[in-house]
Amino acid sequence: MPEILINSIDSVEPDHLVRTMVEFGSKALILSRRVGSLYRREVKEVNREKLEDLQEKVDKFAEERAAWKKEKEGWEEEKKRLGTWKVRCMDSETKLNERIIDLEEDYDELKEKYEGVEVEFEDLKSCIIQEHINEFQKRGGAGSFLLPGY
């Protein structure tokens, strides 16, 4: 400190010096309160801005989460639908395989019957032809057939 300032402080009366110090302390206290309140207000505003930013992010996240949840539910429903579809397809495949086996058995039975009927048909055909030949010969051949008077 400069020496002039020290000399002026030494020349001041003690009461005046105490009053000045008390007044200085009061003003410093008031100033510190004002600075503190300004600082708190500024911090509050900054915090409010940060809080608003964070709230926007939280709201956005909540919207995205709801959309994801809805999409997930849709996928789960699709999974259930496809699962039941797969089960139905497998059941249908099993039923169709059983039906194919039944039809093959029926085909084999019908084939055996057809072959038996075909043999009988050939026998009947041969019998009918033989009967016609016999009848033809009984009547005397072609001439009697064509000429009834013979």
Protein backbone atom coordinates (compact mmCIF):
# COMPACT_ATOMS: atom_id res chain seq x y z
CA MET A 1 0.00 0.00 0.00
CA PRO A 2 1.16 3.52 -0.64
CA GLU A 3 2.45 5.41 2.33
CA ILE A 4 0.05 8.33 1.85
CA LEU A 5 -2.90 6.02 2.32
CA ILE A 6 -1.38 4.57 5.48
CA ASN A 7 -0.75 8.05 6.90
CA SER A 8 -4.32 9.17 6.14
CA ILE A 9 -5.70 6.07 7.91
CA ASP A 10 -3.49 6.72 10.93
CA SER A 11 -4.75 10.31 11.19
CA VAL A 12 -8.43 9.31 11.30
CA GLU A 13 -10.17 9.15 14.65
CA PRO A 14 -10.81 5.65 15.95
CA ASP A 15 -14.63 6.11 16.12
CA HIS A 16 -14.73 7.34 12.59
CA LEU A 17 -12.51 4.45 11.51
CA VAL A 18 -14.78 1.90 13.21
CA ARG A 19 -17.88 3.51 11.69
CA THR A 20 -16.28 3.46 8.26
CA MET A 21 -15.29 -0.21 8.68
CA VAL A 22 -18.81 -1.15 9.83
CA GLU A 23 -20.33 0.79 6.93
CA PHE A 24 -17.88 -0.87 4.55
CA GLY A 25 -18.74 -4.27 6.03
CA SER A 26 -22.49 -3.57 5.65
CA LYS A 27 -22.08 -2.45 2.06
CA ALA A 28 -19.90 -5.46 1.36
CA LEU A 29 -22.52 -7.72 2.93
CA ILE A 30 -25.32 -6.09 0.90
CA LEU A 31 -23.20 -6.25 -2.23
CA SER A 32 -22.33 -9.89 -1.57
CA ARG A 33 -26.03 -10.67 -1.10
CA ARG A 34 -26.88 -8.89 -4.35
CA VAL A 35 -24.04 -10.63 -6.16
CA GLY A 36 -25.15 -13.92 -4.62
CA SER A 37 -28.77 -13.41 -5.65
CA LEU A 38 -27.68 -12.37 -9.17
CA TYR A 39 -25.46 -15.43 -9.33
CA ARG A 40 -28.31 -17.68 -8.11
CA ARG A 41 -30.68 -16.07 -10.63
CA GLU A 42 -28.18 -16.62 -13.41
CA VAL A 43 -27.56 -20.20 -12.32
CA LYS A 44 -31.31 -20.72 -12.07
CA GLU A 45 -31.83 -19.42 -15.62
CA VAL A 46 -28.99 -21.56 -16.95
CA ASN A 47 -30.35 -24.52 -15.04
CA ARG A 48 -33.84 -23.76 -16.34
CA GLU A 49 -32.50 -23.73 -19.90
CA LYS A 50 -30.63 -26.96 -19.28
CA LEU A 51 -33.71 -28.40 -17.62
CA GLU A 52 -35.85 -27.39 -20.60
CA ASP A 53 -33.32 -28.97 -22.97
CA LEU A 54 -33.25 -32.12 -20.88
CA GLN A 55 -37.07 -32.14 -20.67
CA GLU A 56 -37.26 -31.88 -24.47
CA LYS A 57 -34.87 -34.80 -24.74
CA VAL A 58 -36.91 -36.78 -22.19
CA ASP A 59 -40.14 -36.01 -24.08
CA LYS A 60 -38.54 -37.01 -27.37
CA PHE A 61 -37.22 -40.21 -25.81
CA ALA A 62 -40.67 -40.96 -24.36
CA GLU A 63 -42.24 -40.50 -27.82
CA GLU A 64 -39.61 -42.73 -29.43
CA ARG A 65 -40.06 -45.30 -26.71
CA ALA A 66 -43.83 -45.31 -27.23
CA ALA A 67 -43.31 -45.70 -30.99
CA TRP A 68 -40.84 -48.54 -30.41
CA LYS A 69 -43.24 -50.19 -28.00
CA LYS A 70 -46.07 -49.93 -30.52
CA GLU A 71 -43.80 -51.31 -33.26
CA LYS A 72 -42.71 -54.13 -30.94
CA GLU A 73 -46.35 -55.02 -30.24
CA GLY A 74 -46.99 -55.09 -33.97
CA TRP A 75 -44.04 -57.42 -34.49
CA GLU A 76 -45.20 -59.64 -31.63
CA GLU A 77 -48.68 -59.89 -33.17
CA GLU A 78 -47.11 -60.67 -36.53
CA LYS A 79 -44.93 -63.31 -34.85
CA LYS A 80 -48.01 -64.89 -33.24
CA ARG A 81 -49.89 -64.77 -36.53
CA LEU A 82 -47.01 -66.34 -38.42
CA GLY A 83 -46.55 -68.90 -35.65
CA THR A 84 -50.17 -69.98 -35.92
CA TRP A 85 -49.90 -69.86 -39.71
CA LYS A 86 -46.86 -72.13 -39.51
CA VAL A 87 -48.74 -74.52 -37.22
CA ARG A 88 -51.71 -74.51 -39.60
CA CYS A 89 -49.40 -75.19 -42.53
CA MET A 90 -47.73 -78.04 -40.70
CA ASP A 91 -51.15 -79.44 -39.74
CA SER A 92 -52.31 -79.07 -43.34
CA GLU A 93 -49.14 -80.76 -44.55
CA THR A 94 -49.72 -83.66 -42.16
CA LYS A 95 -53.35 -83.95 -43.25
CA LEU A 96 -52.38 -83.77 -46.91
CA ASN A 97 -49.73 -86.45 -46.44
CA GLU A 98 -52.32 -88.66 -44.74
CA ARG A 99 -54.77 -87.95 -47.56
CA ILE A 100 -52.09 -88.80 -50.15
CA ILE A 101 -51.43 -92.12 -48.40
CA ASP A 102 -55.18 -92.85 -48.34
CA LEU A 103 -55.52 -91.94 -52.02
CA GLU A 104 -52.54 -94.10 -52.95
CA GLU A 105 -54.12 -97.04 -51.10
CA ASP A 106 -57.45 -96.37 -52.85
CA TYR A 107 -55.61 -96.13 -56.17
CA ASP A 108 -53.90 -99.45 -55.58
CA GLU A 109 -57.26 -101.08 -54.71
CA LEU A 110 -58.93 -99.55 -57.76
CA LYS A 111 -56.03 -100.62 -59.96
CA GLU A 112 -56.36 -104.21 -58.74
CA LYS A 113 -60.13 -104.10 -59.31
CA TYR A 114 -59.65 -102.55 -62.75
CA GLU A 115 -57.15 -105.22 -63.73
CA GLY A 116 -59.59 -107.88 -62.50
CA VAL A 117 -62.47 -106.21 -64.36
CA GLU A 118 -60.30 -105.83 -67.46
CA VAL A 119 -59.53 -109.56 -67.40
CA GLU A 120 -63.24 -110.33 -66.94
CA PHE A 121 -64.09 -107.89 -69.76
CA GLU A 122 -61.62 -109.58 -72.09
CA ASP A 123 -63.10 -112.98 -71.13
CA LEU A 124 -66.64 -111.69 -71.75
CA LYS A 125 -65.57 -110.16 -75.03
CA SER A 126 -64.00 -113.44 -76.08
CA CYS A 127 -67.16 -115.30 -75.01
CA ILE A 128 -69.41 -112.90 -76.95
CA ILE A 129 -67.23 -113.19 -80.04
CA GLN A 130 -67.20 -116.98 -79.72
CA GLU A 131 -70.98 -117.01 -79.34
CA HIS A 132 -71.39 -114.89 -82.45
CA ILE A 133 -69.09 -117.23 -84.33
CA ASN A 134 -71.04 -120.24 -83.09
CA GLU A 135 -74.34 -118.63 -84.05
CA PHE A 136 -72.94 -117.68 -87.40
CA GLN A 137 -71.83 -121.24 -88.02
CA LYS A 138 -75.18 -122.62 -86.86
CA ARG A 139 -76.98 -120.60 -89.44
CA GLY A 140 -74.81 -121.93 -92.15
CA GLY A 141 -72.18 -119.40 -92.70
CA ALA A 142 -72.31 -116.16 -94.56
CA GLY A 143 -74.70 -117.28 -97.27
CA SER A 144 -77.57 -118.11 -94.96
CA PHE A 145 -77.06 -114.92 -93.13
CA LEU A 146 -77.11 -112.89 -96.27
CA LEU A 147 -79.66 -115.02 -98.04
CA PRO A 148 -82.30 -116.16 -95.59
CA GLY A 149 -83.68 -118.80 -97.90
CA TYR A 150 -80.66 -121.01 -97.91
